[in-house]
Amino acid sequence: MPYQGGPMTEAMFYVLLALINPSHGYRLMEAIEEVSGGRVLMGPGTLYGVLARLEKDKLISMVKEDNRRKTYQLTLDGRHALQAEHERIAMMHRDFMAVEGGRGWAP
């Protein structure tokens, strides 16, 4: 069943974000670590499971295979899904700030 929107897992979001530039598995793990400032460390099992799901949902496509190295890129649907998720997260942040009033958490 194709991706129908709604909340993505953190892993899905970061794989799509990293695939703004076409890449292969090992480089994707590095890119995710870089873009998240080291907060998200994705192992091969998680990465390849997410890649399979995103490919099945037609959010990414394989563009090249050399030996066993597969290079993936975002599809147009993948770009739209990434943008929609970004907007959803931004709305949650705005809602939090409206309730919290930007005060921060009191100890």
N, C-alpha and C. Protein backbone atom coordinates (compact mmCIF):
# COMPACT_ATOMS: atom_id res chain seq x y z
N MET A 1 0.85 -1.19 0.00
CA MET A 1 0.00 0.00 0.00
C MET A 1 0.89 1.24 0.00
N PRO A 2 0.67 2.19 -0.90
CA PRO A 2 1.50 3.39 -0.95
C PRO A 2 1.35 4.23 0.31
N TYR A 3 2.38 5.02 0.57
CA TYR A 3 2.39 5.92 1.72
C TYR A 3 1.21 6.88 1.62
N GLN A 4 0.45 6.98 2.69
CA GLN A 4 -0.75 7.80 2.69
C GLN A 4 -0.60 9.08 3.51
N GLY A 5 0.62 9.43 3.86
CA GLY A 5 0.82 10.64 4.66
C GLY A 5 0.75 10.32 6.13
N GLY A 6 0.59 11.34 6.91
CA GLY A 6 0.57 11.16 8.35
C GLY A 6 1.96 11.12 8.90
N PRO A 7 2.08 10.94 10.19
CA PRO A 7 3.39 10.98 10.82
C PRO A 7 4.34 9.91 10.27
N MET A 8 5.56 10.33 10.04
CA MET A 8 6.63 9.42 9.63
C MET A 8 7.43 9.03 10.85
N THR A 9 8.10 7.92 10.75
CA THR A 9 9.06 7.61 11.79
C THR A 9 10.26 8.54 11.61
N GLU A 10 11.02 8.70 12.67
CA GLU A 10 12.23 9.52 12.60
C GLU A 10 13.17 8.97 11.53
N ALA A 11 13.27 7.66 11.46
CA ALA A 11 14.16 7.04 10.47
C ALA A 11 13.71 7.36 9.05
N MET A 12 12.42 7.28 8.78
CA MET A 12 11.91 7.61 7.44
C MET A 12 12.23 9.05 7.09
N PHE A 13 11.97 9.96 8.01
CA PHE A 13 12.21 11.38 7.77
C PHE A 13 13.68 11.63 7.43
N TYR A 14 14.58 11.07 8.22
CA TYR A 14 16.00 11.34 7.99
C TYR A 14 16.53 10.67 6.73
N VAL A 15 16.01 9.52 6.37
CA VAL A 15 16.43 8.90 5.11
C VAL A 15 15.98 9.77 3.94
N LEU A 16 14.73 10.22 3.96
CA LEU A 16 14.26 11.10 2.88
C LEU A 16 15.06 12.39 2.85
N LEU A 17 15.33 12.95 4.01
CA LEU A 17 16.12 14.19 4.07
C LEU A 17 17.51 13.98 3.49
N ALA A 18 18.14 12.87 3.84
CA ALA A 18 19.48 12.58 3.33
C ALA A 18 19.47 12.33 1.83
N LEU A 19 18.34 11.85 1.31
CA LEU A 19 18.26 11.54 -0.12
C LEU A 19 17.91 12.75 -0.98
N ILE A 20 17.95 13.93 -0.41
CA ILE A 20 17.83 15.12 -1.25
C ILE A 20 18.95 15.07 -2.29
N ASN A 21 20.08 14.48 -1.89
CA ASN A 21 21.17 14.20 -2.83
C ASN A 21 21.24 12.68 -2.99
N PRO A 22 21.10 12.15 -4.21
CA PRO A 22 21.14 10.70 -4.41
C PRO A 22 22.37 10.08 -3.72
N SER A 23 22.17 8.91 -3.14
CA SER A 23 23.24 8.30 -2.38
C SER A 23 23.01 6.80 -2.23
N HIS A 24 24.04 6.13 -1.73
CA HIS A 24 23.97 4.70 -1.45
C HIS A 24 23.98 4.48 0.06
N GLY A 25 23.73 3.25 0.47
CA GLY A 25 23.52 2.91 1.87
C GLY A 25 24.54 3.42 2.86
N TYR A 26 25.82 3.10 2.68
CA TYR A 26 26.82 3.50 3.67
C TYR A 26 26.90 5.02 3.75
N ARG A 27 26.88 5.68 2.61
CA ARG A 27 26.94 7.15 2.60
C ARG A 27 25.69 7.74 3.25
N LEU A 28 24.55 7.08 3.10
CA LEU A 28 23.32 7.56 3.75
C LEU A 28 23.47 7.54 5.27
N MET A 29 24.06 6.48 5.80
CA MET A 29 24.25 6.41 7.26
C MET A 29 25.11 7.58 7.72
N GLU A 30 26.15 7.90 6.97
CA GLU A 30 27.01 9.04 7.32
C GLU A 30 26.24 10.36 7.20
N ALA A 31 25.48 10.52 6.13
CA ALA A 31 24.73 11.76 5.90
C ALA A 31 23.70 12.00 7.00
N ILE A 32 23.04 10.93 7.44
CA ILE A 32 22.04 11.05 8.51
C ILE A 32 22.72 11.48 9.80
N GLU A 33 23.85 10.90 10.10
CA GLU A 33 24.58 11.30 11.31
C GLU A 33 25.00 12.77 11.20
N GLU A 34 25.48 13.17 10.03
CA GLU A 34 25.91 14.56 9.84
C GLU A 34 24.76 15.54 9.97
N VAL A 35 23.67 15.29 9.24
CA VAL A 35 22.56 16.24 9.22
C VAL A 35 21.87 16.34 10.59
N SER A 36 21.94 15.28 11.38
CA SER A 36 21.31 15.30 12.71
C SER A 36 22.28 15.75 13.79
N GLY A 37 23.47 16.16 13.41
CA GLY A 37 24.46 16.59 14.40
C GLY A 37 24.90 15.46 15.31
N GLY A 38 24.85 14.25 14.80
CA GLY A 38 25.27 13.09 15.58
C GLY A 38 24.18 12.52 16.48
N ARG A 39 23.00 13.13 16.48
CA ARG A 39 21.90 12.67 17.33
C ARG A 39 21.29 11.38 16.84
N VAL A 40 21.26 11.18 15.51
CA VAL A 40 20.66 9.98 14.95
C VAL A 40 21.75 9.12 14.32
N LEU A 41 21.94 7.94 14.88
CA LEU A 41 22.90 6.97 14.34
C LEU A 41 22.08 5.79 13.85
N MET A 42 22.11 5.58 12.55
CA MET A 42 21.27 4.54 11.97
C MET A 42 22.13 3.36 11.53
N GLY A 43 21.79 2.20 12.02
CA GLY A 43 22.50 0.99 11.64
C GLY A 43 21.99 0.45 10.32
N PRO A 44 22.74 -0.49 9.73
CA PRO A 44 22.36 -1.03 8.43
C PRO A 44 20.99 -1.71 8.43
N GLY A 45 20.66 -2.43 9.48
CA GLY A 45 19.37 -3.13 9.52
C GLY A 45 18.21 -2.17 9.44
N THR A 46 18.27 -1.11 10.23
CA THR A 46 17.22 -0.09 10.20
C THR A 46 17.19 0.60 8.84
N LEU A 47 18.36 1.00 8.35
CA LEU A 47 18.44 1.72 7.08
C LEU A 47 17.83 0.90 5.94
N TYR A 48 18.25 -0.34 5.81
CA TYR A 48 17.78 -1.12 4.67
C TYR A 48 16.30 -1.49 4.79
N GLY A 49 15.79 -1.61 6.00
CA GLY A 49 14.35 -1.80 6.19
C GLY A 49 13.58 -0.56 5.76
N VAL A 50 14.08 0.62 6.13
CA VAL A 50 13.42 1.86 5.74
C VAL A 50 13.51 2.06 4.23
N LEU A 51 14.68 1.79 3.64
CA LEU A 51 14.82 1.92 2.19
C LEU A 51 13.82 1.04 1.46
N ALA A 52 13.65 -0.19 1.92
CA ALA A 52 12.70 -1.10 1.29
C ALA A 52 11.28 -0.55 1.39
N ARG A 53 10.92 -0.03 2.56
CA ARG A 53 9.58 0.54 2.76
C ARG A 53 9.38 1.75 1.86
N LEU A 54 10.36 2.65 1.82
CA LEU A 54 10.23 3.87 1.02
C LEU A 54 10.17 3.55 -0.47
N GLU A 55 10.92 2.54 -0.88
CA GLU A 55 10.88 2.14 -2.29
C GLU A 55 9.51 1.52 -2.63
N LYS A 56 9.01 0.70 -1.73
CA LYS A 56 7.68 0.08 -1.92
C LYS A 56 6.61 1.16 -2.01
N ASP A 57 6.74 2.20 -1.19
CA ASP A 57 5.78 3.30 -1.17
C ASP A 57 6.02 4.31 -2.29
N LYS A 58 7.03 4.05 -3.11
CA LYS A 58 7.36 4.90 -4.27
C LYS A 58 7.78 6.30 -3.88
N LEU A 59 8.40 6.42 -2.69
CA LEU A 59 8.94 7.71 -2.26
C LEU A 59 10.39 7.86 -2.67
N ILE A 60 11.04 6.74 -2.97
CA ILE A 60 12.41 6.74 -3.49
C ILE A 60 12.47 5.73 -4.63
N SER A 61 13.51 5.87 -5.43
CA SER A 61 13.74 4.87 -6.49
C SER A 61 15.24 4.62 -6.59
N MET A 62 15.57 3.41 -7.00
CA MET A 62 16.97 3.07 -7.22
C MET A 62 17.35 3.60 -8.60
N VAL A 63 18.46 4.32 -8.66
CA VAL A 63 18.88 4.91 -9.94
C VAL A 63 20.10 4.22 -10.52
N LYS A 64 20.83 3.47 -9.69
CA LYS A 64 22.04 2.81 -10.18
C LYS A 64 22.41 1.68 -9.24
N GLU A 65 22.96 0.63 -9.82
CA GLU A 65 23.48 -0.47 -9.01
C GLU A 65 24.83 -0.88 -9.58
N ASP A 66 25.87 -0.70 -8.77
CA ASP A 66 27.23 -1.12 -9.12
C ASP A 66 27.63 -2.21 -8.14
N ASN A 67 27.88 -3.41 -8.68
CA ASN A 67 28.14 -4.56 -7.82
C ASN A 67 26.96 -4.72 -6.88
N ARG A 68 27.17 -4.52 -5.58
CA ARG A 68 26.07 -4.63 -4.62
C ARG A 68 25.68 -3.27 -4.07
N ARG A 69 26.28 -2.19 -4.56
CA ARG A 69 25.99 -0.84 -4.08
C ARG A 69 24.84 -0.24 -4.90
N LYS A 70 23.73 0.03 -4.20
CA LYS A 70 22.55 0.60 -4.85
C LYS A 70 22.47 2.08 -4.49
N THR A 71 22.29 2.91 -5.49
CA THR A 71 22.13 4.35 -5.28
C THR A 71 20.66 4.69 -5.43
N TYR A 72 20.13 5.44 -4.46
CA TYR A 72 18.73 5.81 -4.42
C TYR A 72 18.58 7.32 -4.57
N GLN A 73 17.39 7.74 -5.02
CA GLN A 73 17.05 9.15 -5.07
C GLN A 73 15.59 9.32 -4.69
N LEU A 74 15.23 10.53 -4.29
CA LEU A 74 13.84 10.84 -4.01
C LEU A 74 13.04 10.86 -5.30
N THR A 75 11.81 10.42 -5.23
CA THR A 75 10.87 10.61 -6.33
C THR A 75 10.13 11.92 -6.06
N LEU A 76 9.33 12.34 -7.00
CA LEU A 76 8.52 13.55 -6.78
C LEU A 76 7.58 13.34 -5.60
N ASP A 77 6.99 12.14 -5.50
CA ASP A 77 6.13 11.84 -4.34
C ASP A 77 6.93 11.88 -3.05
N GLY A 78 8.19 11.45 -3.09
CA GLY A 78 9.05 11.50 -1.92
C GLY A 78 9.34 12.93 -1.49
N ARG A 79 9.57 13.80 -2.45
CA ARG A 79 9.79 15.22 -2.13
C ARG A 79 8.54 15.82 -1.49
N HIS A 80 7.38 15.49 -2.04
CA HIS A 80 6.13 16.00 -1.48
C HIS A 80 5.90 15.47 -0.06
N ALA A 81 6.19 14.19 0.15
CA ALA A 81 6.01 13.59 1.48
C ALA A 81 6.96 14.22 2.49
N LEU A 82 8.21 14.48 2.09
CA LEU A 82 9.18 15.12 2.99
C LEU A 82 8.72 16.52 3.35
N GLN A 83 8.24 17.27 2.36
CA GLN A 83 7.75 18.63 2.61
C GLN A 83 6.53 18.61 3.53
N ALA A 84 5.62 17.68 3.30
CA ALA A 84 4.42 17.58 4.14
C ALA A 84 4.80 17.24 5.59
N GLU A 85 5.78 16.35 5.76
CA GLU A 85 6.21 16.00 7.12
C GLU A 85 6.89 17.19 7.79
N HIS A 86 7.68 17.93 7.04
CA HIS A 86 8.32 19.13 7.59
C HIS A 86 7.26 20.12 8.06
N GLU A 87 6.24 20.32 7.26
CA GLU A 87 5.16 21.25 7.63
C GLU A 87 4.41 20.75 8.86
N ARG A 88 4.19 19.44 8.97
CA ARG A 88 3.51 18.88 10.14
C ARG A 88 4.32 19.13 11.40
N ILE A 89 5.63 18.90 11.32
CA ILE A 89 6.51 19.12 12.48
C ILE A 89 6.54 20.60 12.85
N ALA A 90 6.60 21.48 11.85
CA ALA A 90 6.61 22.92 12.11
C ALA A 90 5.32 23.36 12.80
N MET A 91 4.18 22.80 12.39
CA MET A 91 2.91 23.14 13.04
C MET A 91 2.91 22.69 14.50
N MET A 92 3.46 21.51 14.77
CA MET A 92 3.53 21.04 16.16
C MET A 92 4.40 21.98 16.98
N HIS A 93 5.50 22.45 16.40
CA HIS A 93 6.38 23.37 17.10
C HIS A 93 5.66 24.69 17.38
N ARG A 94 4.92 25.20 16.39
CA ARG A 94 4.16 26.44 16.61
C ARG A 94 3.13 26.26 17.70
N ASP A 95 2.44 25.11 17.71
CA ASP A 95 1.44 24.84 18.75
C ASP A 95 2.08 24.80 20.13
N PHE A 96 3.22 24.15 20.22
CA PHE A 96 3.94 24.08 21.50
C PHE A 96 4.30 25.49 21.97
N MET A 97 4.83 26.29 21.06
CA MET A 97 5.24 27.64 21.44
C MET A 97 4.04 28.49 21.85
N ALA A 98 2.89 28.27 21.22
CA ALA A 98 1.69 29.02 21.59
C ALA A 98 1.24 28.66 23.00
N VAL A 99 1.31 27.39 23.35
CA VAL A 99 0.89 26.95 24.68
C VAL A 99 1.95 27.30 25.71
N GLU A 100 3.19 27.01 25.38
CA GLU A 100 4.29 27.22 26.30
C GLU A 100 4.63 28.70 26.41
N GLY A 101 4.32 29.46 25.38
CA GLY A 101 4.60 30.88 25.38
C GLY A 101 6.09 31.21 25.29
N GLY A 102 6.88 30.25 24.87
CA GLY A 102 8.31 30.50 24.73
C GLY A 102 9.04 30.64 26.06
N ARG A 103 8.40 30.27 27.17
CA ARG A 103 9.00 30.43 28.50
C ARG A 103 10.08 29.41 28.80
N GLY A 104 10.03 28.27 28.13
CA GLY A 104 10.94 27.18 28.49
C GLY A 104 10.39 26.42 29.67
N TRP A 105 11.03 25.34 30.00
CA TRP A 105 10.55 24.51 31.11
C TRP A 105 11.13 24.99 32.43
N ALA A 106 10.26 25.14 33.39
CA ALA A 106 10.72 25.51 34.74
C ALA A 106 11.24 24.25 35.43
N PRO A 107 12.31 24.38 36.19
CA PRO A 107 12.84 23.18 36.91
C PRO A 107 11.90 22.72 38.00
